[in-house]
Amino acid sequence: MGSKNIVYEKNIMKIIATNVAKYRKEKHLTQEEVAKRADIGFDFYRHFEAGKGSIGISVYNLYRISVALGIEMGCLFKED
């Protein structure tokens, strides 16, 4: 195996949270509505979107949020 320099996005959680908020607002949904549709706790959701939650979120919860927002999960990782 050759060695490769891999660069990881240091602000990925902020990018994801910003995108979640952007798509939620575009759909004219409240944080509570998205949390309910995604079947996740409201407090967890609002802390995550505000960037105040723990460092991580499961792929499963990201998937559920993307379904609740009606978008592909990959959209959450795109930086504007």
Protein backbone atom coordinates (compact mmCIF):
# COMPACT_ATOMS: atom_id res chain seq x y z
CA MET A 1 0.00 0.00 0.00
CA GLY A 2 1.23 3.44 -0.89
CA SER A 3 0.93 6.20 1.59
CA LYS A 4 -1.59 8.91 0.84
CA ASN A 5 -2.10 12.20 2.52
CA ILE A 6 -5.70 12.29 3.57
CA VAL A 7 -7.16 15.60 4.61
CA TYR A 8 -10.23 15.55 6.81
CA GLU A 9 -12.59 18.49 7.07
CA LYS A 10 -12.12 19.81 10.61
CA ASN A 11 -15.43 21.65 10.64
CA ILE A 12 -17.59 18.84 9.24
CA MET A 13 -20.05 18.91 12.14
CA LYS A 14 -20.58 22.66 11.66
CA ILE A 15 -21.09 22.14 7.92
CA ILE A 16 -23.67 19.42 8.55
CA ALA A 17 -25.52 21.43 11.22
CA THR A 18 -25.55 24.51 8.97
CA ASN A 19 -26.97 22.48 6.09
CA VAL A 20 -29.62 20.89 8.29
CA ALA A 21 -30.77 24.35 9.39
CA LYS A 22 -30.67 25.66 5.80
CA TYR A 23 -32.79 22.84 4.39
CA ARG A 24 -35.19 22.98 7.35
CA LYS A 25 -35.78 26.68 6.77
CA GLU A 26 -36.18 26.16 3.01
CA LYS A 27 -38.94 23.64 3.78
CA HIS A 28 -40.54 26.07 6.27
CA LEU A 29 -40.30 23.54 9.08
CA THR A 30 -39.65 24.15 12.75
CA GLN A 31 -36.94 22.28 14.64
CA GLU A 32 -39.67 20.47 16.53
CA GLU A 33 -41.35 19.32 13.31
CA VAL A 34 -38.11 17.91 11.92
CA ALA A 35 -37.30 16.16 15.19
CA LYS A 36 -40.77 14.64 15.26
CA ARG A 37 -40.59 13.52 11.62
CA ALA A 38 -37.13 12.03 12.22
CA ASP A 39 -38.33 10.39 15.44
CA ILE A 40 -35.47 11.86 17.46
CA GLY A 41 -35.56 13.93 20.62
CA PHE A 42 -36.26 17.63 20.19
CA ASP A 43 -33.56 18.67 22.67
CA PHE A 44 -31.00 16.49 20.90
CA TYR A 45 -32.01 17.93 17.53
CA ARG A 46 -31.93 21.58 18.54
CA HIS A 47 -28.58 21.18 20.28
CA PHE A 48 -27.15 19.43 17.24
CA GLU A 49 -28.42 22.08 14.83
CA ALA A 50 -27.04 24.83 17.06
CA GLY A 51 -23.67 23.09 17.24
CA LYS A 52 -23.97 22.70 21.00
CA GLY A 53 -24.31 18.93 21.11
CA SER A 54 -21.67 16.31 21.45
CA ILE A 55 -19.00 15.96 18.80
CA GLY A 56 -20.85 13.23 16.96
CA ILE A 57 -24.12 12.14 15.50
CA SER A 58 -24.86 8.69 14.19
CA VAL A 59 -25.22 7.95 10.51
CA TYR A 60 -28.63 6.54 11.37
CA ASN A 61 -29.79 9.87 12.84
CA LEU A 62 -28.35 11.82 9.91
CA TYR A 63 -30.26 9.52 7.59
CA ARG A 64 -33.48 10.04 9.55
CA ILE A 65 -33.02 13.82 9.46
CA SER A 66 -32.38 13.78 5.71
CA VAL A 67 -35.54 11.72 5.15
CA ALA A 68 -37.50 14.12 7.37
CA LEU A 69 -36.19 17.01 5.24
CA GLY A 70 -36.85 15.20 1.95
CA ILE A 71 -33.23 15.43 0.81
CA GLU A 72 -30.42 13.02 0.02
CA MET A 73 -28.09 12.54 2.96
CA GLY A 74 -25.08 13.58 0.86
CA CYS A 75 -26.51 17.11 0.66
CA LEU A 76 -25.70 17.54 4.34
CA PHE A 77 -21.96 17.24 3.70
CA LYS A 78 -21.67 19.87 0.96
CA GLU A 79 -19.99 23.11 1.82
CA ASP A 80 -21.40 26.24 0.19
